mmCIF file of all heavy atoms, coordinates in Angstrom:
data_MODEL
# 
_entry.id   MODEL 
# 
loop_
_atom_site.group_PDB 
_atom_site.id 
_atom_site.type_symbol 
_atom_site.label_atom_id 
_atom_site.label_alt_id 
_atom_site.label_comp_id 
_atom_site.label_asym_id 
_atom_site.label_entity_id 
_atom_site.label_seq_id 
_atom_site.pdbx_PDB_ins_code 
_atom_site.Cartn_x 
_atom_site.Cartn_y 
_atom_site.Cartn_z 
_atom_site.occupancy 
_atom_site.B_iso_or_equiv 
_atom_site.pdbx_formal_charge 
_atom_site.auth_seq_id 
_atom_site.auth_comp_id 
_atom_site.auth_asym_id 
_atom_site.auth_atom_id 
_atom_site.pdbx_PDB_model_num 
ATOM 1   N N   . ARG A 1 1  ? 19.506 -49.748 47.996 1.00 0.00 ? 1  ARG A N   1 
ATOM 2   C CA  . ARG A 1 1  ? 20.695 -49.938 47.109 1.00 0.00 ? 1  ARG A CA  1 
ATOM 3   C C   . ARG A 1 1  ? 21.983 -49.855 47.826 1.00 0.00 ? 1  ARG A C   1 
ATOM 4   O O   . ARG A 1 1  ? 22.956 -50.564 47.480 1.00 0.00 ? 1  ARG A O   1 
ATOM 5   C CB  . ARG A 1 1  ? 20.550 -48.980 45.856 1.00 0.00 ? 1  ARG A CB  1 
ATOM 6   C CG  . ARG A 1 1  ? 21.614 -49.240 44.754 1.00 0.00 ? 1  ARG A CG  1 
ATOM 7   C CD  . ARG A 1 1  ? 21.269 -48.263 43.669 1.00 0.00 ? 1  ARG A CD  1 
ATOM 8   N NE  . ARG A 1 1  ? 22.081 -48.554 42.473 1.00 0.00 ? 1  ARG A NE  1 
ATOM 9   C CZ  . ARG A 1 1  ? 22.206 -47.955 41.370 1.00 0.00 ? 1  ARG A CZ  1 
ATOM 10  N NH1 . ARG A 1 1  ? 21.407 -46.754 41.255 1.00 0.00 ? 1  ARG A NH1 1 
ATOM 11  N NH2 . ARG A 1 1  ? 22.977 -48.316 40.438 1.00 0.00 ? 1  ARG A NH2 1 
ATOM 12  N N   . MET A 1 2  ? 22.094 -48.827 48.758 1.00 0.00 ? 2  MET A N   1 
ATOM 13  C CA  . MET A 1 2  ? 23.293 -48.716 49.569 1.00 0.00 ? 2  MET A CA  1 
ATOM 14  C C   . MET A 1 2  ? 23.601 -49.954 50.359 1.00 0.00 ? 2  MET A C   1 
ATOM 15  O O   . MET A 1 2  ? 24.727 -50.463 50.519 1.00 0.00 ? 2  MET A O   1 
ATOM 16  C CB  . MET A 1 2  ? 23.156 -47.525 50.450 1.00 0.00 ? 2  MET A CB  1 
ATOM 17  C CG  . MET A 1 2  ? 23.014 -46.160 49.825 1.00 0.00 ? 2  MET A CG  1 
ATOM 18  S SD  . MET A 1 2  ? 24.257 -45.702 48.574 1.00 0.00 ? 2  MET A SD  1 
ATOM 19  C CE  . MET A 1 2  ? 23.337 -45.976 47.021 1.00 0.00 ? 2  MET A CE  1 
ATOM 20  N N   . ARG A 1 3  ? 22.493 -50.536 50.893 1.00 0.00 ? 3  ARG A N   1 
ATOM 21  C CA  . ARG A 1 3  ? 22.787 -51.793 51.698 1.00 0.00 ? 3  ARG A CA  1 
ATOM 22  C C   . ARG A 1 3  ? 23.077 -52.952 50.787 1.00 0.00 ? 3  ARG A C   1 
ATOM 23  O O   . ARG A 1 3  ? 24.005 -53.676 51.045 1.00 0.00 ? 3  ARG A O   1 
ATOM 24  C CB  . ARG A 1 3  ? 21.400 -52.106 52.380 1.00 0.00 ? 3  ARG A CB  1 
ATOM 25  C CG  . ARG A 1 3  ? 21.424 -53.362 53.299 1.00 0.00 ? 3  ARG A CG  1 
ATOM 26  C CD  . ARG A 1 3  ? 20.054 -53.868 53.723 1.00 0.00 ? 3  ARG A CD  1 
ATOM 27  N NE  . ARG A 1 3  ? 19.384 -54.338 52.502 1.00 0.00 ? 3  ARG A NE  1 
ATOM 28  C CZ  . ARG A 1 3  ? 17.955 -54.663 52.577 1.00 0.00 ? 3  ARG A CZ  1 
ATOM 29  N NH1 . ARG A 1 3  ? 17.278 -54.530 53.773 1.00 0.00 ? 3  ARG A NH1 1 
ATOM 30  N NH2 . ARG A 1 3  ? 17.427 -55.083 51.456 1.00 0.00 ? 3  ARG A NH2 1 
ATOM 31  N N   . ASP A 1 4  ? 22.413 -53.142 49.647 1.00 0.00 ? 4  ASP A N   1 
ATOM 32  C CA  . ASP A 1 4  ? 22.566 -54.350 48.861 1.00 0.00 ? 4  ASP A CA  1 
ATOM 33  C C   . ASP A 1 4  ? 23.793 -54.257 47.994 1.00 0.00 ? 4  ASP A C   1 
ATOM 34  O O   . ASP A 1 4  ? 24.473 -55.324 47.780 1.00 0.00 ? 4  ASP A O   1 
ATOM 35  C CB  . ASP A 1 4  ? 21.271 -54.489 47.994 1.00 0.00 ? 4  ASP A CB  1 
ATOM 36  C CG  . ASP A 1 4  ? 19.992 -54.794 48.759 1.00 0.00 ? 4  ASP A CG  1 
ATOM 37  O OD1 . ASP A 1 4  ? 20.089 -55.126 50.032 1.00 0.00 ? 4  ASP A OD1 1 
ATOM 38  O OD2 . ASP A 1 4  ? 18.961 -54.566 48.255 1.00 0.00 ? 4  ASP A OD2 1 
ATOM 39  N N   . GLU A 1 5  ? 24.131 -53.045 47.323 1.00 0.00 ? 5  GLU A N   1 
ATOM 40  C CA  . GLU A 1 5  ? 25.170 -53.031 46.561 1.00 0.00 ? 5  GLU A CA  1 
ATOM 41  C C   . GLU A 1 5  ? 26.526 -52.627 47.276 1.00 0.00 ? 5  GLU A C   1 
ATOM 42  O O   . GLU A 1 5  ? 27.618 -53.087 46.835 1.00 0.00 ? 5  GLU A O   1 
ATOM 43  C CB  . GLU A 1 5  ? 24.913 -52.027 45.446 1.00 0.00 ? 5  GLU A CB  1 
ATOM 44  C CG  . GLU A 1 5  ? 23.856 -52.484 44.512 1.00 0.00 ? 5  GLU A CG  1 
ATOM 45  C CD  . GLU A 1 5  ? 23.675 -51.535 43.233 1.00 0.00 ? 5  GLU A CD  1 
ATOM 46  O OE1 . GLU A 1 5  ? 24.723 -50.859 42.969 1.00 0.00 ? 5  GLU A OE1 1 
ATOM 47  O OE2 . GLU A 1 5  ? 22.527 -51.631 42.708 1.00 0.00 ? 5  GLU A OE2 1 
ATOM 48  N N   . LEU A 1 6  ? 26.518 -51.817 48.307 1.00 0.00 ? 6  LEU A N   1 
ATOM 49  C CA  . LEU A 1 6  ? 27.722 -51.322 48.936 1.00 0.00 ? 6  LEU A CA  1 
ATOM 50  C C   . LEU A 1 6  ? 27.925 -52.163 50.266 1.00 0.00 ? 6  LEU A C   1 
ATOM 51  O O   . LEU A 1 6  ? 28.984 -52.057 50.821 1.00 0.00 ? 6  LEU A O   1 
ATOM 52  C CB  . LEU A 1 6  ? 27.580 -49.890 49.242 1.00 0.00 ? 6  LEU A CB  1 
ATOM 53  C CG  . LEU A 1 6  ? 27.390 -48.940 48.029 1.00 0.00 ? 6  LEU A CG  1 
ATOM 54  C CD1 . LEU A 1 6  ? 27.345 -47.476 48.498 1.00 0.00 ? 6  LEU A CD1 1 
ATOM 55  C CD2 . LEU A 1 6  ? 28.453 -49.244 47.049 1.00 0.00 ? 6  LEU A CD2 1 
ATOM 56  N N   . GLY A 1 7  ? 26.872 -52.906 50.768 1.00 0.00 ? 7  GLY A N   1 
ATOM 57  C CA  . GLY A 1 7  ? 27.008 -53.537 52.004 1.00 0.00 ? 7  GLY A CA  1 
ATOM 58  C C   . GLY A 1 7  ? 27.148 -52.743 53.253 1.00 0.00 ? 7  GLY A C   1 
ATOM 59  O O   . GLY A 1 7  ? 27.566 -53.243 54.248 1.00 0.00 ? 7  GLY A O   1 
ATOM 60  N N   . VAL A 1 8  ? 26.695 -51.518 53.268 1.00 0.00 ? 8  VAL A N   1 
ATOM 61  C CA  . VAL A 1 8  ? 26.787 -50.698 54.330 1.00 0.00 ? 8  VAL A CA  1 
ATOM 62  C C   . VAL A 1 8  ? 25.743 -51.006 55.427 1.00 0.00 ? 8  VAL A C   1 
ATOM 63  O O   . VAL A 1 8  ? 24.741 -51.609 55.077 1.00 0.00 ? 8  VAL A O   1 
ATOM 64  C CB  . VAL A 1 8  ? 26.616 -49.148 54.027 1.00 0.00 ? 8  VAL A CB  1 
ATOM 65  C CG1 . VAL A 1 8  ? 27.815 -48.714 53.005 1.00 0.00 ? 8  VAL A CG1 1 
ATOM 66  C CG2 . VAL A 1 8  ? 25.259 -48.837 53.431 1.00 0.00 ? 8  VAL A CG2 1 
ATOM 67  N N   . THR A 1 9  ? 26.059 -50.746 56.651 1.00 0.00 ? 9  THR A N   1 
ATOM 68  C CA  . THR A 1 9  ? 25.141 -50.850 57.811 1.00 0.00 ? 9  THR A CA  1 
ATOM 69  C C   . THR A 1 9  ? 24.390 -49.504 57.869 1.00 0.00 ? 9  THR A C   1 
ATOM 70  O O   . THR A 1 9  ? 25.065 -48.518 58.080 1.00 0.00 ? 9  THR A O   1 
ATOM 71  C CB  . THR A 1 9  ? 25.844 -51.191 59.067 1.00 0.00 ? 9  THR A CB  1 
ATOM 72  O OG1 . THR A 1 9  ? 26.396 -52.462 58.835 1.00 0.00 ? 9  THR A OG1 1 
ATOM 73  C CG2 . THR A 1 9  ? 24.813 -51.351 60.200 1.00 0.00 ? 9  THR A CG2 1 
ATOM 74  N N   . GLY A 1 10 ? 23.031 -49.458 57.878 1.00 0.00 ? 10 GLY A N   1 
ATOM 75  C CA  . GLY A 1 10 ? 22.302 -48.193 57.904 1.00 0.00 ? 10 GLY A CA  1 
ATOM 76  C C   . GLY A 1 10 ? 21.481 -48.056 59.161 1.00 0.00 ? 10 GLY A C   1 
ATOM 77  O O   . GLY A 1 10 ? 21.015 -49.006 59.736 1.00 0.00 ? 10 GLY A O   1 
ATOM 78  N N   . LEU A 1 11 ? 21.432 -46.794 59.644 1.00 0.00 ? 11 LEU A N   1 
ATOM 79  C CA  . LEU A 1 11 ? 20.575 -46.450 60.761 1.00 0.00 ? 11 LEU A CA  1 
ATOM 80  C C   . LEU A 1 11 ? 19.663 -45.165 60.160 1.00 0.00 ? 11 LEU A C   1 
ATOM 81  O O   . LEU A 1 11 ? 20.299 -44.145 59.986 1.00 0.00 ? 11 LEU A O   1 
ATOM 82  C CB  . LEU A 1 11 ? 21.256 -46.089 61.942 1.00 0.00 ? 11 LEU A CB  1 
ATOM 83  C CG  . LEU A 1 11 ? 20.463 -45.683 63.227 1.00 0.00 ? 11 LEU A CG  1 
ATOM 84  C CD1 . LEU A 1 11 ? 19.476 -46.629 63.556 1.00 0.00 ? 11 LEU A CD1 1 
ATOM 85  C CD2 . LEU A 1 11 ? 21.477 -45.365 64.349 1.00 0.00 ? 11 LEU A CD2 1 
ATOM 86  N N   . VAL A 1 12 ? 18.318 -45.352 60.219 1.00 0.00 ? 12 VAL A N   1 
ATOM 87  C CA  . VAL A 1 12 ? 17.583 -44.314 59.639 1.00 0.00 ? 12 VAL A CA  1 
ATOM 88  C C   . VAL A 1 12 ? 16.685 -43.827 60.778 1.00 0.00 ? 12 VAL A C   1 
ATOM 89  O O   . VAL A 1 12 ? 16.067 -44.666 61.573 1.00 0.00 ? 12 VAL A O   1 
ATOM 90  C CB  . VAL A 1 12 ? 16.630 -44.935 58.533 1.00 0.00 ? 12 VAL A CB  1 
ATOM 91  C CG1 . VAL A 1 12 ? 15.707 -43.734 58.041 1.00 0.00 ? 12 VAL A CG1 1 
ATOM 92  C CG2 . VAL A 1 12 ? 17.327 -45.463 57.409 1.00 0.00 ? 12 VAL A CG2 1 
ATOM 93  N N   . VAL A 1 13 ? 16.624 -42.560 61.058 1.00 0.00 ? 13 VAL A N   1 
ATOM 94  C CA  . VAL A 1 13 ? 15.566 -41.970 61.947 1.00 0.00 ? 13 VAL A CA  1 
ATOM 95  C C   . VAL A 1 13 ? 14.555 -41.290 61.187 1.00 0.00 ? 13 VAL A C   1 
ATOM 96  O O   . VAL A 1 13 ? 14.849 -40.565 60.265 1.00 0.00 ? 13 VAL A O   1 
ATOM 97  C CB  . VAL A 1 13 ? 16.237 -41.067 62.989 1.00 0.00 ? 13 VAL A CB  1 
ATOM 98  C CG1 . VAL A 1 13 ? 17.266 -41.818 63.807 1.00 0.00 ? 13 VAL A CG1 1 
ATOM 99  C CG2 . VAL A 1 13 ? 16.850 -39.831 62.433 1.00 0.00 ? 13 VAL A CG2 1 
ATOM 100 N N   . THR A 1 14 ? 13.182 -41.612 61.426 1.00 0.00 ? 14 THR A N   1 
ATOM 101 C CA  . THR A 1 14 ? 12.241 -41.101 60.518 1.00 0.00 ? 14 THR A CA  1 
ATOM 102 C C   . THR A 1 14 ? 10.934 -41.022 61.359 1.00 0.00 ? 14 THR A C   1 
ATOM 103 O O   . THR A 1 14 ? 10.742 -41.851 62.267 1.00 0.00 ? 14 THR A O   1 
ATOM 104 C CB  . THR A 1 14 ? 12.165 -41.929 59.322 1.00 0.00 ? 14 THR A CB  1 
ATOM 105 O OG1 . THR A 1 14 ? 11.054 -41.245 58.509 1.00 0.00 ? 14 THR A OG1 1 
ATOM 106 C CG2 . THR A 1 14 ? 11.736 -43.395 59.560 1.00 0.00 ? 14 THR A CG2 1 
ATOM 107 N N   . HIS A 1 15 ? 9.900  -40.207 60.852 1.00 0.00 ? 15 HIS A N   1 
ATOM 108 C CA  . HIS A 1 15 ? 8.576  -40.424 61.385 1.00 0.00 ? 15 HIS A CA  1 
ATOM 109 C C   . HIS A 1 15 ? 7.693  -40.935 60.344 1.00 0.00 ? 15 HIS A C   1 
ATOM 110 O O   . HIS A 1 15 ? 6.506  -41.091 60.511 1.00 0.00 ? 15 HIS A O   1 
ATOM 111 C CB  . HIS A 1 15 ? 8.002  -39.028 61.937 1.00 0.00 ? 15 HIS A CB  1 
ATOM 112 C CG  . HIS A 1 15 ? 8.059  -38.016 60.817 1.00 0.00 ? 15 HIS A CG  1 
ATOM 113 N ND1 . HIS A 1 15 ? 9.075  -37.066 60.731 1.00 0.00 ? 15 HIS A ND1 1 
ATOM 114 C CD2 . HIS A 1 15 ? 7.127  -37.627 59.931 1.00 0.00 ? 15 HIS A CD2 1 
ATOM 115 C CE1 . HIS A 1 15 ? 8.818  -36.243 59.736 1.00 0.00 ? 15 HIS A CE1 1 
ATOM 116 N NE2 . HIS A 1 15 ? 7.617  -36.543 59.255 1.00 0.00 ? 15 HIS A NE2 1 
ATOM 117 N N   . ASP A 1 16 ? 8.274  -41.283 59.231 1.00 0.00 ? 16 ASP A N   1 
ATOM 118 C CA  . ASP A 1 16 ? 7.499  -41.751 58.010 1.00 0.00 ? 16 ASP A CA  1 
ATOM 119 C C   . ASP A 1 16 ? 7.475  -43.280 58.039 1.00 0.00 ? 16 ASP A C   1 
ATOM 120 O O   . ASP A 1 16 ? 8.453  -43.971 57.712 1.00 0.00 ? 16 ASP A O   1 
ATOM 121 C CB  . ASP A 1 16 ? 8.248  -41.324 56.721 1.00 0.00 ? 16 ASP A CB  1 
ATOM 122 C CG  . ASP A 1 16 ? 7.571  -41.657 55.461 1.00 0.00 ? 16 ASP A CG  1 
ATOM 123 O OD1 . ASP A 1 16 ? 6.603  -42.640 55.456 1.00 0.00 ? 16 ASP A OD1 1 
ATOM 124 O OD2 . ASP A 1 16 ? 7.857  -41.023 54.439 1.00 0.00 ? 16 ASP A OD2 1 
ATOM 125 N N   . MET A 1 17 ? 6.333  -43.892 58.475 1.00 0.00 ? 17 MET A N   1 
ATOM 126 C CA  . MET A 1 17 ? 6.239  -45.310 58.649 1.00 0.00 ? 17 MET A CA  1 
ATOM 127 C C   . MET A 1 17 ? 6.206  -46.026 57.325 1.00 0.00 ? 17 MET A C   1 
ATOM 128 O O   . MET A 1 17 ? 6.707  -47.147 57.218 1.00 0.00 ? 17 MET A O   1 
ATOM 129 C CB  . MET A 1 17 ? 5.081  -45.712 59.431 1.00 0.00 ? 17 MET A CB  1 
ATOM 130 C CG  . MET A 1 17 ? 5.115  -45.423 60.941 1.00 0.00 ? 17 MET A CG  1 
ATOM 131 S SD  . MET A 1 17 ? 6.538  -46.284 61.747 1.00 0.00 ? 17 MET A SD  1 
ATOM 132 C CE  . MET A 1 17 ? 6.320  -47.857 61.212 1.00 0.00 ? 17 MET A CE  1 
ATOM 133 N N   . THR A 1 18 ? 5.633  -45.345 56.229 1.00 0.00 ? 18 THR A N   1 
ATOM 134 C CA  . THR A 1 18 ? 5.779  -46.070 54.988 1.00 0.00 ? 18 THR A CA  1 
ATOM 135 C C   . THR A 1 18 ? 7.132  -46.254 54.529 1.00 0.00 ? 18 THR A C   1 
ATOM 136 O O   . THR A 1 18 ? 7.490  -47.378 54.020 1.00 0.00 ? 18 THR A O   1 
ATOM 137 C CB  . THR A 1 18 ? 4.986  -45.114 53.895 1.00 0.00 ? 18 THR A CB  1 
ATOM 138 O OG1 . THR A 1 18 ? 3.627  -44.977 54.338 1.00 0.00 ? 18 THR A OG1 1 
ATOM 139 C CG2 . THR A 1 18 ? 5.002  -45.821 52.542 1.00 0.00 ? 18 THR A CG2 1 
ATOM 140 N N   . SER A 1 19 ? 7.955  -45.299 54.694 1.00 0.00 ? 19 SER A N   1 
ATOM 141 C CA  . SER A 1 19 ? 9.403  -45.338 54.333 1.00 0.00 ? 19 SER A CA  1 
ATOM 142 C C   . SER A 1 19 ? 10.102 -46.362 55.224 1.00 0.00 ? 19 SER A C   1 
ATOM 143 O O   . SER A 1 19 ? 10.834 -47.277 54.820 1.00 0.00 ? 19 SER A O   1 
ATOM 144 C CB  . SER A 1 19 ? 10.048 -43.934 54.482 1.00 0.00 ? 19 SER A CB  1 
ATOM 145 O OG  . SER A 1 19 ? 11.415 -44.088 54.165 1.00 0.00 ? 19 SER A OG  1 
ATOM 146 N N   . ALA A 1 20 ? 9.787  -46.434 56.571 1.00 0.00 ? 20 ALA A N   1 
ATOM 147 C CA  . ALA A 1 20 ? 10.494 -47.287 57.384 1.00 0.00 ? 20 ALA A CA  1 
ATOM 148 C C   . ALA A 1 20 ? 10.147 -48.832 57.121 1.00 0.00 ? 20 ALA A C   1 
ATOM 149 O O   . ALA A 1 20 ? 11.016 -49.616 57.067 1.00 0.00 ? 20 ALA A O   1 
ATOM 150 C CB  . ALA A 1 20 ? 9.986  -47.147 58.899 1.00 0.00 ? 20 ALA A CB  1 
ATOM 151 N N   . PHE A 1 21 ? 8.872  -48.958 56.703 1.00 0.00 ? 21 PHE A N   1 
ATOM 152 C CA  . PHE A 1 21 ? 8.419  -50.387 56.336 1.00 0.00 ? 21 PHE A CA  1 
ATOM 153 C C   . PHE A 1 21 ? 9.212  -50.800 55.032 1.00 0.00 ? 21 PHE A C   1 
ATOM 154 O O   . PHE A 1 21 ? 9.524  -51.980 54.908 1.00 0.00 ? 21 PHE A O   1 
ATOM 155 C CB  . PHE A 1 21 ? 6.955  -50.422 56.066 1.00 0.00 ? 21 PHE A CB  1 
ATOM 156 C CG  . PHE A 1 21 ? 6.208  -50.590 57.432 1.00 0.00 ? 21 PHE A CG  1 
ATOM 157 C CD1 . PHE A 1 21 ? 5.051  -49.821 57.586 1.00 0.00 ? 21 PHE A CD1 1 
ATOM 158 C CD2 . PHE A 1 21 ? 6.541  -51.414 58.457 1.00 0.00 ? 21 PHE A CD2 1 
ATOM 159 C CE1 . PHE A 1 21 ? 4.305  -49.927 58.762 1.00 0.00 ? 21 PHE A CE1 1 
ATOM 160 C CE2 . PHE A 1 21 ? 5.854  -51.503 59.683 1.00 0.00 ? 21 PHE A CE2 1 
ATOM 161 C CZ  . PHE A 1 21 ? 4.769  -50.680 59.832 1.00 0.00 ? 21 PHE A CZ  1 
ATOM 162 N N   . ARG A 1 22 ? 9.453  -49.878 54.093 1.00 0.00 ? 22 ARG A N   1 
ATOM 163 C CA  . ARG A 1 22 ? 10.179 -50.117 52.977 1.00 0.00 ? 22 ARG A CA  1 
ATOM 164 C C   . ARG A 1 22 ? 11.664 -50.516 53.118 1.00 0.00 ? 22 ARG A C   1 
ATOM 165 O O   . ARG A 1 22 ? 12.245 -51.483 52.527 1.00 0.00 ? 22 ARG A O   1 
ATOM 166 C CB  . ARG A 1 22 ? 10.150 -49.120 51.913 1.00 0.00 ? 22 ARG A CB  1 
ATOM 167 C CG  . ARG A 1 22 ? 8.849  -48.845 51.274 1.00 0.00 ? 22 ARG A CG  1 
ATOM 168 C CD  . ARG A 1 22 ? 9.018  -47.929 49.878 1.00 0.00 ? 22 ARG A CD  1 
ATOM 169 N NE  . ARG A 1 22 ? 7.836  -47.386 49.463 1.00 0.00 ? 22 ARG A NE  1 
ATOM 170 C CZ  . ARG A 1 22 ? 7.441  -46.099 49.545 1.00 0.00 ? 22 ARG A CZ  1 
ATOM 171 N NH1 . ARG A 1 22 ? 8.152  -45.223 50.120 1.00 0.00 ? 22 ARG A NH1 1 
ATOM 172 N NH2 . ARG A 1 22 ? 6.256  -45.814 48.920 1.00 0.00 ? 22 ARG A NH2 1 
ATOM 173 N N   . VAL A 1 23 ? 12.270 -49.785 53.959 1.00 0.00 ? 23 VAL A N   1 
ATOM 174 C CA  . VAL A 1 23 ? 13.793 -49.877 54.039 1.00 0.00 ? 23 VAL A CA  1 
ATOM 175 C C   . VAL A 1 23 ? 14.410 -50.678 55.190 1.00 0.00 ? 23 VAL A C   1 
ATOM 176 O O   . VAL A 1 23 ? 15.569 -51.091 54.994 1.00 0.00 ? 23 VAL A O   1 
ATOM 177 C CB  . VAL A 1 23 ? 14.433 -48.421 54.047 1.00 0.00 ? 23 VAL A CB  1 
ATOM 178 C CG1 . VAL A 1 23 ? 13.908 -47.629 52.879 1.00 0.00 ? 23 VAL A CG1 1 
ATOM 179 C CG2 . VAL A 1 23 ? 14.215 -47.665 55.349 1.00 0.00 ? 23 VAL A CG2 1 
ATOM 180 N N   . ALA A 1 24 ? 13.610 -50.857 56.238 1.00 0.00 ? 24 ALA A N   1 
ATOM 181 C CA  . ALA A 1 24 ? 14.253 -51.289 57.515 1.00 0.00 ? 24 ALA A CA  1 
ATOM 182 C C   . ALA A 1 24 ? 14.153 -52.852 57.608 1.00 0.00 ? 24 ALA A C   1 
ATOM 183 O O   . ALA A 1 24 ? 13.070 -53.436 57.300 1.00 0.00 ? 24 ALA A O   1 
ATOM 184 C CB  . ALA A 1 24 ? 13.649 -50.646 58.690 1.00 0.00 ? 24 ALA A CB  1 
ATOM 185 N N   . ASP A 1 25 ? 15.196 -53.467 58.042 1.00 0.00 ? 25 ASP A N   1 
ATOM 186 C CA  . ASP A 1 25 ? 15.220 -54.825 58.489 1.00 0.00 ? 25 ASP A CA  1 
ATOM 187 C C   . ASP A 1 25 ? 14.478 -55.009 59.861 1.00 0.00 ? 25 ASP A C   1 
ATOM 188 O O   . ASP A 1 25 ? 13.859 -55.902 60.237 1.00 0.00 ? 25 ASP A O   1 
ATOM 189 C CB  . ASP A 1 25 ? 16.522 -55.426 58.543 1.00 0.00 ? 25 ASP A CB  1 
ATOM 190 C CG  . ASP A 1 25 ? 17.208 -55.436 57.153 1.00 0.00 ? 25 ASP A CG  1 
ATOM 191 O OD1 . ASP A 1 25 ? 16.711 -56.077 56.265 1.00 0.00 ? 25 ASP A OD1 1 
ATOM 192 O OD2 . ASP A 1 25 ? 18.273 -54.766 56.974 1.00 0.00 ? 25 ASP A OD2 1 
ATOM 193 N N   . ARG A 1 26 ? 14.803 -53.972 60.647 1.00 0.00 ? 26 ARG A N   1 
ATOM 194 C CA  . ARG A 1 26 ? 14.172 -53.929 62.038 1.00 0.00 ? 26 ARG A CA  1 
ATOM 195 C C   . ARG A 1 26 ? 13.805 -52.433 62.307 1.00 0.00 ? 26 ARG A C   1 
ATOM 196 O O   . ARG A 1 26 ? 14.454 -51.464 61.849 1.00 0.00 ? 26 ARG A O   1 
ATOM 197 C CB  . ARG A 1 26 ? 15.110 -54.451 63.159 1.00 0.00 ? 26 ARG A CB  1 
ATOM 198 C CG  . ARG A 1 26 ? 15.309 -55.894 63.093 1.00 0.00 ? 26 ARG A CG  1 
ATOM 199 C CD  . ARG A 1 26 ? 16.123 -56.474 64.260 1.00 0.00 ? 26 ARG A CD  1 
ATOM 200 N NE  . ARG A 1 26 ? 17.324 -55.923 64.292 1.00 0.00 ? 26 ARG A NE  1 
ATOM 201 C CZ  . ARG A 1 26 ? 17.804 -55.125 65.355 1.00 0.00 ? 26 ARG A CZ  1 
ATOM 202 N NH1 . ARG A 1 26 ? 17.027 -54.723 66.295 1.00 0.00 ? 26 ARG A NH1 1 
ATOM 203 N NH2 . ARG A 1 26 ? 18.990 -54.596 65.308 1.00 0.00 ? 26 ARG A NH2 1 
# 
């Protein structure tokens, strides 16, 4: 929602692949 509604550029660090697959473009 932050990406789509606010247009922010996001950088997520995580070890949770399920989450990474959901949120990341790359």
